[in-house]
Amino acid sequence: MVYENIFLSKAEIRFPNLEIYQIKAVGIFRTNTIVTKNGIEIANLKMNWRGQIVIAFQDGQEFVLKGKGMFYSKYVIENKDQEKLIEFDPKFNWKKFRYNYSITFDKKPEDILLILLGVYASNYIINSLSGSM
């Protein structure tokens, strides 16, 4: 994942098989984000009023990224049935001045894109809470 600017509103996900996805924040308050591949919308991310990010794919699949813990120290992605699929544990690396993630899951997700969108969404929430956006 490569961010185009320091405000984390634009990024690209590049896979080894040369697939490239663009991530771009849209809207007045930049609370909506679209994910495109070759100009075609693949998914969108929207922040709800509870501070969660809903990840909706064009095929109808929906997932929710939620903060866990008193200070949102971890994040989880759940499906519509509120089953925990993926957990993200961000740790700040002071030498490189960025977050490193420990990612855990029970079953390996079929779509690596969902994991990377979870990292993007976690970074978005962390920066929103810190006021750096």
N, C-alpha and C. Protein backbone atom coordinates (compact mmCIF):
# COMPACT_ATOMS: atom_id res chain seq x y z
N MET A 1 0.85 -1.16 0.00
CA MET A 1 0.00 0.00 0.00
C MET A 1 0.90 1.23 0.00
N VAL A 2 0.64 2.13 -0.92
CA VAL A 2 1.44 3.34 -1.06
C VAL A 2 0.50 4.54 -0.94
N TYR A 3 0.77 5.41 0.03
CA TYR A 3 -0.02 6.62 0.20
C TYR A 3 0.55 7.72 -0.68
N GLU A 4 -0.36 8.46 -1.34
CA GLU A 4 0.07 9.53 -2.24
C GLU A 4 0.32 10.84 -1.51
N ASN A 5 -0.25 10.98 -0.29
CA ASN A 5 -0.02 12.21 0.46
C ASN A 5 -0.01 11.91 1.95
N ILE A 6 0.39 12.86 2.75
CA ILE A 6 0.52 12.64 4.18
C ILE A 6 -0.83 12.61 4.90
N PHE A 7 -1.90 13.02 4.25
CA PHE A 7 -3.21 13.05 4.89
C PHE A 7 -3.98 11.75 4.74
N LEU A 8 -3.38 10.73 4.11
CA LEU A 8 -3.95 9.40 3.99
C LEU A 8 -5.28 9.36 3.23
N SER A 9 -5.56 10.37 2.42
CA SER A 9 -6.83 10.36 1.70
C SER A 9 -6.73 9.67 0.35
N LYS A 10 -5.52 9.48 -0.16
CA LYS A 10 -5.32 8.78 -1.43
C LYS A 10 -4.23 7.73 -1.25
N ALA A 11 -4.51 6.54 -1.81
CA ALA A 11 -3.52 5.47 -1.72
C ALA A 11 -3.68 4.53 -2.91
N GLU A 12 -2.66 3.73 -3.13
CA GLU A 12 -2.71 2.68 -4.14
C GLU A 12 -2.32 1.37 -3.49
N ILE A 13 -3.02 0.32 -3.88
CA ILE A 13 -2.66 -1.03 -3.46
C ILE A 13 -2.15 -1.73 -4.70
N ARG A 14 -0.91 -2.20 -4.62
CA ARG A 14 -0.28 -2.88 -5.76
C ARG A 14 0.00 -4.33 -5.39
N PHE A 15 -0.53 -5.24 -6.19
CA PHE A 15 -0.30 -6.67 -5.97
C PHE A 15 0.79 -7.17 -6.90
N PRO A 16 1.47 -8.26 -6.51
CA PRO A 16 2.55 -8.80 -7.35
C PRO A 16 2.09 -9.20 -8.76
N ASN A 17 0.81 -9.54 -8.92
CA ASN A 17 0.31 -9.92 -10.25
C ASN A 17 -0.06 -8.70 -11.09
N LEU A 18 0.43 -7.53 -10.70
CA LEU A 18 0.26 -6.25 -11.40
C LEU A 18 -1.13 -5.65 -11.27
N GLU A 19 -1.99 -6.21 -10.42
CA GLU A 19 -3.28 -5.57 -10.15
C GLU A 19 -3.02 -4.32 -9.32
N ILE A 20 -3.70 -3.24 -9.69
CA ILE A 20 -3.56 -1.98 -8.95
C ILE A 20 -4.95 -1.47 -8.60
N TYR A 21 -5.14 -1.15 -7.33
CA TYR A 21 -6.39 -0.57 -6.84
C TYR A 21 -6.09 0.84 -6.35
N GLN A 22 -6.98 1.77 -6.66
CA GLN A 22 -6.85 3.14 -6.18
C GLN A 22 -7.87 3.35 -5.06
N ILE A 23 -7.43 4.04 -4.02
CA ILE A 23 -8.29 4.38 -2.89
C ILE A 23 -8.32 5.90 -2.81
N LYS A 24 -9.54 6.46 -2.78
CA LYS A 24 -9.65 7.92 -2.79
C LYS A 24 -10.83 8.34 -1.91
N ALA A 25 -10.59 9.29 -0.99
CA ALA A 25 -11.65 9.85 -0.16
C ALA A 25 -12.47 10.82 -1.00
N VAL A 26 -13.78 10.77 -0.82
CA VAL A 26 -14.69 11.64 -1.56
C VAL A 26 -15.68 12.26 -0.58
N GLY A 27 -16.38 13.27 -1.03
CA GLY A 27 -17.40 13.91 -0.21
C GLY A 27 -16.86 15.15 0.48
N ILE A 28 -17.77 15.92 1.02
CA ILE A 28 -17.42 17.19 1.65
C ILE A 28 -16.51 16.98 2.86
N PHE A 29 -16.87 16.03 3.73
CA PHE A 29 -16.10 15.80 4.94
C PHE A 29 -15.12 14.64 4.81
N ARG A 30 -15.01 14.09 3.61
CA ARG A 30 -14.10 12.98 3.31
C ARG A 30 -14.34 11.76 4.21
N THR A 31 -15.62 11.51 4.53
CA THR A 31 -15.96 10.34 5.33
C THR A 31 -16.31 9.15 4.45
N ASN A 32 -16.40 9.36 3.15
CA ASN A 32 -16.65 8.27 2.20
C ASN A 32 -15.39 8.05 1.37
N THR A 33 -15.10 6.81 1.11
CA THR A 33 -13.91 6.45 0.33
C THR A 33 -14.32 5.42 -0.71
N ILE A 34 -13.81 5.58 -1.93
CA ILE A 34 -14.09 4.59 -2.96
C ILE A 34 -12.81 3.86 -3.34
N VAL A 35 -12.98 2.61 -3.70
CA VAL A 35 -11.88 1.77 -4.15
C VAL A 35 -12.17 1.39 -5.59
N THR A 36 -11.24 1.71 -6.49
CA THR A 36 -11.45 1.43 -7.91
C THR A 36 -10.32 0.58 -8.46
N LYS A 37 -10.65 -0.15 -9.51
CA LYS A 37 -9.66 -0.92 -10.27
C LYS A 37 -9.95 -0.64 -11.73
N ASN A 38 -8.97 -0.10 -12.44
CA ASN A 38 -9.14 0.29 -13.84
C ASN A 38 -10.33 1.22 -14.03
N GLY A 39 -10.55 2.12 -13.07
CA GLY A 39 -11.62 3.10 -13.17
C GLY A 39 -13.00 2.58 -12.78
N ILE A 40 -13.12 1.32 -12.41
CA ILE A 40 -14.40 0.72 -12.04
C ILE A 40 -14.45 0.58 -10.52
N GLU A 41 -15.53 1.07 -9.91
CA GLU A 41 -15.65 0.99 -8.46
C GLU A 41 -15.81 -0.46 -8.02
N ILE A 42 -14.95 -0.88 -7.10
CA ILE A 42 -14.94 -2.24 -6.57
C ILE A 42 -15.60 -2.28 -5.19
N ALA A 43 -15.34 -1.24 -4.40
CA ALA A 43 -15.85 -1.20 -3.02
C ALA A 43 -15.92 0.25 -2.56
N ASN A 44 -16.62 0.46 -1.45
CA ASN A 44 -16.59 1.78 -0.82
C ASN A 44 -16.52 1.60 0.68
N LEU A 45 -15.95 2.60 1.32
CA LEU A 45 -15.80 2.61 2.77
C LEU A 45 -16.49 3.86 3.28
N LYS A 46 -17.36 3.68 4.28
CA LYS A 46 -18.07 4.82 4.85
C LYS A 46 -17.98 4.74 6.36
N MET A 47 -17.71 5.90 6.96
CA MET A 47 -17.69 5.95 8.42
C MET A 47 -19.11 6.21 8.91
N ASN A 48 -19.55 5.43 9.90
CA ASN A 48 -20.88 5.67 10.46
C ASN A 48 -20.74 6.53 11.72
N TRP A 49 -21.88 6.83 12.36
CA TRP A 49 -21.87 7.75 13.50
C TRP A 49 -21.28 7.13 14.75
N ARG A 50 -21.03 5.81 14.73
CA ARG A 50 -20.41 5.15 15.88
C ARG A 50 -18.90 5.09 15.74
N GLY A 51 -18.35 5.71 14.71
CA GLY A 51 -16.91 5.69 14.51
C GLY A 51 -16.40 4.40 13.89
N GLN A 52 -17.31 3.63 13.31
CA GLN A 52 -16.96 2.39 12.64
C GLN A 52 -16.90 2.64 11.14
N ILE A 53 -16.15 1.81 10.43
CA ILE A 53 -16.09 1.95 8.98
C ILE A 53 -16.74 0.73 8.35
N VAL A 54 -17.73 1.00 7.51
CA VAL A 54 -18.44 -0.06 6.79
C VAL A 54 -17.75 -0.23 5.44
N ILE A 55 -17.29 -1.45 5.17
CA ILE A 55 -16.64 -1.79 3.90
C ILE A 55 -17.65 -2.57 3.08
N ALA A 56 -18.11 -1.98 1.97
CA ALA A 56 -19.13 -2.61 1.13
C ALA A 56 -18.56 -2.87 -0.25
N PHE A 57 -18.61 -4.13 -0.66
CA PHE A 57 -18.15 -4.51 -2.00
C PHE A 57 -19.33 -4.47 -2.96
N GLN A 58 -19.05 -4.32 -4.24
CA GLN A 58 -20.09 -4.22 -5.25
C GLN A 58 -20.92 -5.50 -5.38
N ASP A 59 -20.40 -6.63 -4.95
CA ASP A 59 -21.15 -7.89 -5.03
C ASP A 59 -22.11 -8.07 -3.86
N GLY A 60 -22.24 -7.06 -2.99
CA GLY A 60 -23.19 -7.11 -1.88
C GLY A 60 -22.59 -7.49 -0.54
N GLN A 61 -21.35 -7.93 -0.51
CA GLN A 61 -20.72 -8.27 0.77
C GLN A 61 -20.45 -7.01 1.57
N GLU A 62 -20.74 -7.07 2.87
CA GLU A 62 -20.48 -5.93 3.76
C GLU A 62 -19.74 -6.40 5.00
N PHE A 63 -18.81 -5.57 5.43
CA PHE A 63 -18.03 -5.84 6.62
C PHE A 63 -17.94 -4.55 7.42
N VAL A 64 -17.70 -4.67 8.72
CA VAL A 64 -17.58 -3.49 9.58
C VAL A 64 -16.26 -3.57 10.33
N LEU A 65 -15.50 -2.48 10.28
CA LEU A 65 -14.27 -2.36 11.07
C LEU A 65 -14.62 -1.59 12.33
N LYS A 66 -14.37 -2.21 13.49
CA LYS A 66 -14.70 -1.61 14.78
C LYS A 66 -13.46 -1.51 15.64
N GLY A 67 -13.40 -0.45 16.42
CA GLY A 67 -12.33 -0.32 17.40
C GLY A 67 -12.65 -1.16 18.63
N LYS A 68 -11.62 -1.73 19.24
CA LYS A 68 -11.78 -2.52 20.47
C LYS A 68 -10.94 -1.90 21.57
N GLY A 69 -11.37 -2.08 22.78
CA GLY A 69 -10.62 -1.58 23.91
C GLY A 69 -11.03 -0.16 24.26
N MET A 70 -10.59 0.27 25.42
CA MET A 70 -10.97 1.58 25.92
C MET A 70 -10.48 2.71 25.01
N PHE A 71 -9.30 2.58 24.47
CA PHE A 71 -8.73 3.63 23.62
C PHE A 71 -8.59 3.18 22.17
N TYR A 72 -9.43 2.25 21.75
CA TYR A 72 -9.36 1.70 20.38
C TYR A 72 -7.95 1.24 20.07
N SER A 73 -7.39 0.43 20.95
CA SER A 73 -6.02 -0.03 20.75
C SER A 73 -5.93 -1.15 19.72
N LYS A 74 -7.06 -1.80 19.44
CA LYS A 74 -7.11 -2.85 18.41
C LYS A 74 -8.35 -2.62 17.56
N TYR A 75 -8.36 -3.25 16.39
CA TYR A 75 -9.49 -3.14 15.48
C TYR A 75 -9.86 -4.52 14.97
N VAL A 76 -11.17 -4.73 14.74
CA VAL A 76 -11.62 -6.01 14.20
C VAL A 76 -12.53 -5.76 13.01
N ILE A 77 -12.49 -6.69 12.07
CA ILE A 77 -13.44 -6.69 10.96
C ILE A 77 -14.44 -7.80 11.24
N GLU A 78 -15.73 -7.42 11.20
CA GLU A 78 -16.80 -8.38 11.40
C GLU A 78 -17.67 -8.45 10.16
N ASN A 79 -18.31 -9.61 9.96
CA ASN A 79 -19.26 -9.74 8.85
C ASN A 79 -20.64 -9.29 9.32
N LYS A 80 -21.66 -9.47 8.47
CA LYS A 80 -23.02 -9.04 8.81
C LYS A 80 -23.57 -9.76 10.04
N ASP A 81 -23.08 -10.97 10.29
CA ASP A 81 -23.54 -11.75 11.45
C ASP A 81 -22.75 -11.44 12.71
N GLN A 82 -21.94 -10.40 12.67
CA GLN A 82 -21.09 -9.93 13.76
C GLN A 82 -20.07 -10.98 14.21
N GLU A 83 -19.64 -11.82 13.26
CA GLU A 83 -18.57 -12.77 13.53
C GLU A 83 -17.24 -12.09 13.26
N LYS A 84 -16.32 -12.21 14.22
CA LYS A 84 -15.00 -11.59 14.06
C LYS A 84 -14.21 -12.38 13.02
N LEU A 85 -13.77 -11.70 11.96
CA LEU A 85 -13.02 -12.34 10.90
C LEU A 85 -11.53 -12.06 11.00
N ILE A 86 -11.19 -10.79 11.25
CA ILE A 86 -9.79 -10.36 11.25
C ILE A 86 -9.59 -9.39 12.41
N GLU A 87 -8.43 -9.48 13.07
CA GLU A 87 -8.09 -8.53 14.14
C GLU A 87 -6.78 -7.85 13.79
N PHE A 88 -6.75 -6.54 13.96
CA PHE A 88 -5.56 -5.72 13.68
C PHE A 88 -5.07 -5.14 15.00
N ASP A 89 -3.78 -5.30 15.26
CA ASP A 89 -3.17 -4.75 16.47
C ASP A 89 -2.04 -3.82 16.04
N PRO A 90 -2.34 -2.51 15.91
CA PRO A 90 -1.30 -1.57 15.47
C PRO A 90 -0.32 -1.23 16.58
N LYS A 91 0.95 -1.22 16.24
CA LYS A 91 2.02 -0.81 17.15
C LYS A 91 2.83 0.26 16.44
N PHE A 92 3.02 1.39 17.13
CA PHE A 92 3.74 2.48 16.50
C PHE A 92 5.24 2.22 16.54
N ASN A 93 5.90 2.37 15.40
CA ASN A 93 7.35 2.21 15.28
C ASN A 93 7.96 3.61 15.27
N TRP A 94 8.59 3.99 16.37
CA TRP A 94 9.12 5.34 16.49
C TRP A 94 10.31 5.59 15.57
N LYS A 95 11.08 4.57 15.25
CA LYS A 95 12.23 4.75 14.36
C LYS A 95 11.79 5.08 12.94
N LYS A 96 10.74 4.41 12.48
CA LYS A 96 10.25 4.64 11.11
C LYS A 96 9.06 5.59 11.07
N PHE A 97 8.56 5.97 12.25
CA PHE A 97 7.44 6.90 12.41
C PHE A 97 6.21 6.45 11.62
N ARG A 98 5.83 5.19 11.83
CA ARG A 98 4.64 4.62 11.20
C ARG A 98 4.17 3.42 12.02
N TYR A 99 3.00 2.93 11.68
CA TYR A 99 2.43 1.77 12.39
C TYR A 99 2.81 0.47 11.71
N ASN A 100 3.10 -0.53 12.52
CA ASN A 100 3.25 -1.91 12.07
C ASN A 100 2.06 -2.66 12.66
N TYR A 101 1.51 -3.58 11.90
CA TYR A 101 0.32 -4.30 12.33
C TYR A 101 0.59 -5.77 12.55
N SER A 102 0.07 -6.29 13.67
CA SER A 102 -0.03 -7.73 13.86
C SER A 102 -1.46 -8.07 13.45
N ILE A 103 -1.60 -8.97 12.50
CA ILE A 103 -2.92 -9.31 11.96
C ILE A 103 -3.19 -10.77 12.27
N THR A 104 -4.34 -11.03 12.90
CA THR A 104 -4.71 -12.41 13.23
C THR A 104 -6.10 -12.71 12.68
N PHE A 105 -6.31 -13.99 12.35
CA PHE A 105 -7.62 -14.44 11.86
C PHE A 105 -7.74 -15.93 12.12
N ASP A 106 -8.99 -16.39 12.26
CA ASP A 106 -9.25 -17.82 12.48
C ASP A 106 -9.11 -18.60 11.19
N LYS A 107 -9.82 -18.13 10.17
CA LYS A 107 -9.71 -18.74 8.85
C LYS A 107 -9.05 -17.72 7.93
N LYS A 108 -8.18 -18.19 7.07
CA LYS A 108 -7.52 -17.28 6.14
C LYS A 108 -8.56 -16.64 5.23
N PRO A 109 -8.61 -15.30 5.21
CA PRO A 109 -9.57 -14.62 4.34
C PRO A 109 -9.30 -14.94 2.87
N GLU A 110 -10.38 -15.10 2.13
CA GLU A 110 -10.26 -15.41 0.71
C GLU A 110 -9.72 -14.21 -0.08
N ASP A 111 -9.99 -13.03 0.43
CA ASP A 111 -9.65 -11.82 -0.31
C ASP A 111 -8.61 -11.00 0.46
N ILE A 112 -7.39 -10.97 -0.03
CA ILE A 112 -6.33 -10.18 0.60
C ILE A 112 -6.67 -8.69 0.56
N LEU A 113 -7.49 -8.28 -0.41
CA LEU A 113 -7.90 -6.88 -0.51
C LEU A 113 -8.64 -6.46 0.76
N LEU A 114 -9.45 -7.32 1.34
CA LEU A 114 -10.17 -6.99 2.57
C LEU A 114 -9.18 -6.69 3.70
N ILE A 115 -8.12 -7.46 3.80
CA ILE A 115 -7.10 -7.21 4.84
C ILE A 115 -6.46 -5.84 4.63
N LEU A 116 -6.08 -5.54 3.40
CA LEU A 116 -5.43 -4.25 3.12
C LEU A 116 -6.38 -3.08 3.31
N LEU A 117 -7.66 -3.26 2.99
CA LEU A 117 -8.63 -2.20 3.25
C LEU A 117 -8.83 -2.02 4.76
N GLY A 118 -8.70 -3.10 5.51
CA GLY A 118 -8.75 -3.01 6.97
C GLY A 118 -7.59 -2.20 7.52
N VAL A 119 -6.41 -2.39 6.97
CA VAL A 119 -5.24 -1.60 7.38
C VAL A 119 -5.46 -0.13 7.03
N TYR A 120 -5.95 0.14 5.81
CA TYR A 120 -6.23 1.52 5.40
C TYR A 120 -7.25 2.16 6.35
N ALA A 121 -8.34 1.43 6.64
CA ALA A 121 -9.39 1.96 7.51
C ALA A 121 -8.88 2.17 8.93
N SER A 122 -8.05 1.27 9.43
CA SER A 122 -7.47 1.44 10.77
C SER A 122 -6.60 2.69 10.82
N ASN A 123 -5.77 2.88 9.81
CA ASN A 123 -4.94 4.09 9.74
C ASN A 123 -5.82 5.34 9.70
N TYR A 124 -6.92 5.27 8.95
CA TYR A 124 -7.84 6.40 8.84
C TYR A 124 -8.42 6.76 10.21
N ILE A 125 -8.88 5.74 10.95
CA ILE A 125 -9.46 5.99 12.27
C ILE A 125 -8.40 6.53 13.23
N ILE A 126 -7.22 5.93 13.24
CA ILE A 126 -6.15 6.39 14.13
C ILE A 126 -5.83 7.86 13.85
N ASN A 127 -5.73 8.24 12.59
CA ASN A 127 -5.42 9.63 12.25
C ASN A 127 -6.58 10.56 12.55
N SER A 128 -7.82 10.08 12.40
CA SER A 128 -8.98 10.89 12.75
C SER A 128 -9.01 11.18 14.25
N LEU A 129 -8.74 10.15 15.04
CA LEU A 129 -8.76 10.32 16.50
C LEU A 129 -7.62 11.19 17.00
N SER A 130 -6.49 11.16 16.30
CA SER A 130 -5.35 11.96 16.73
C SER A 130 -5.42 13.40 16.23
N GLY A 131 -6.38 13.67 15.34
CA GLY A 131 -6.55 15.03 14.82
C GLY A 131 -5.55 15.41 13.76
N SER A 132 -4.89 14.44 13.14
CA SER A 132 -3.86 14.76 12.14
C SER A 132 -4.42 14.80 10.72
N MET A 133 -5.73 14.76 10.58
CA MET A 133 -6.31 14.80 9.23
C MET A 133 -6.88 16.17 8.95
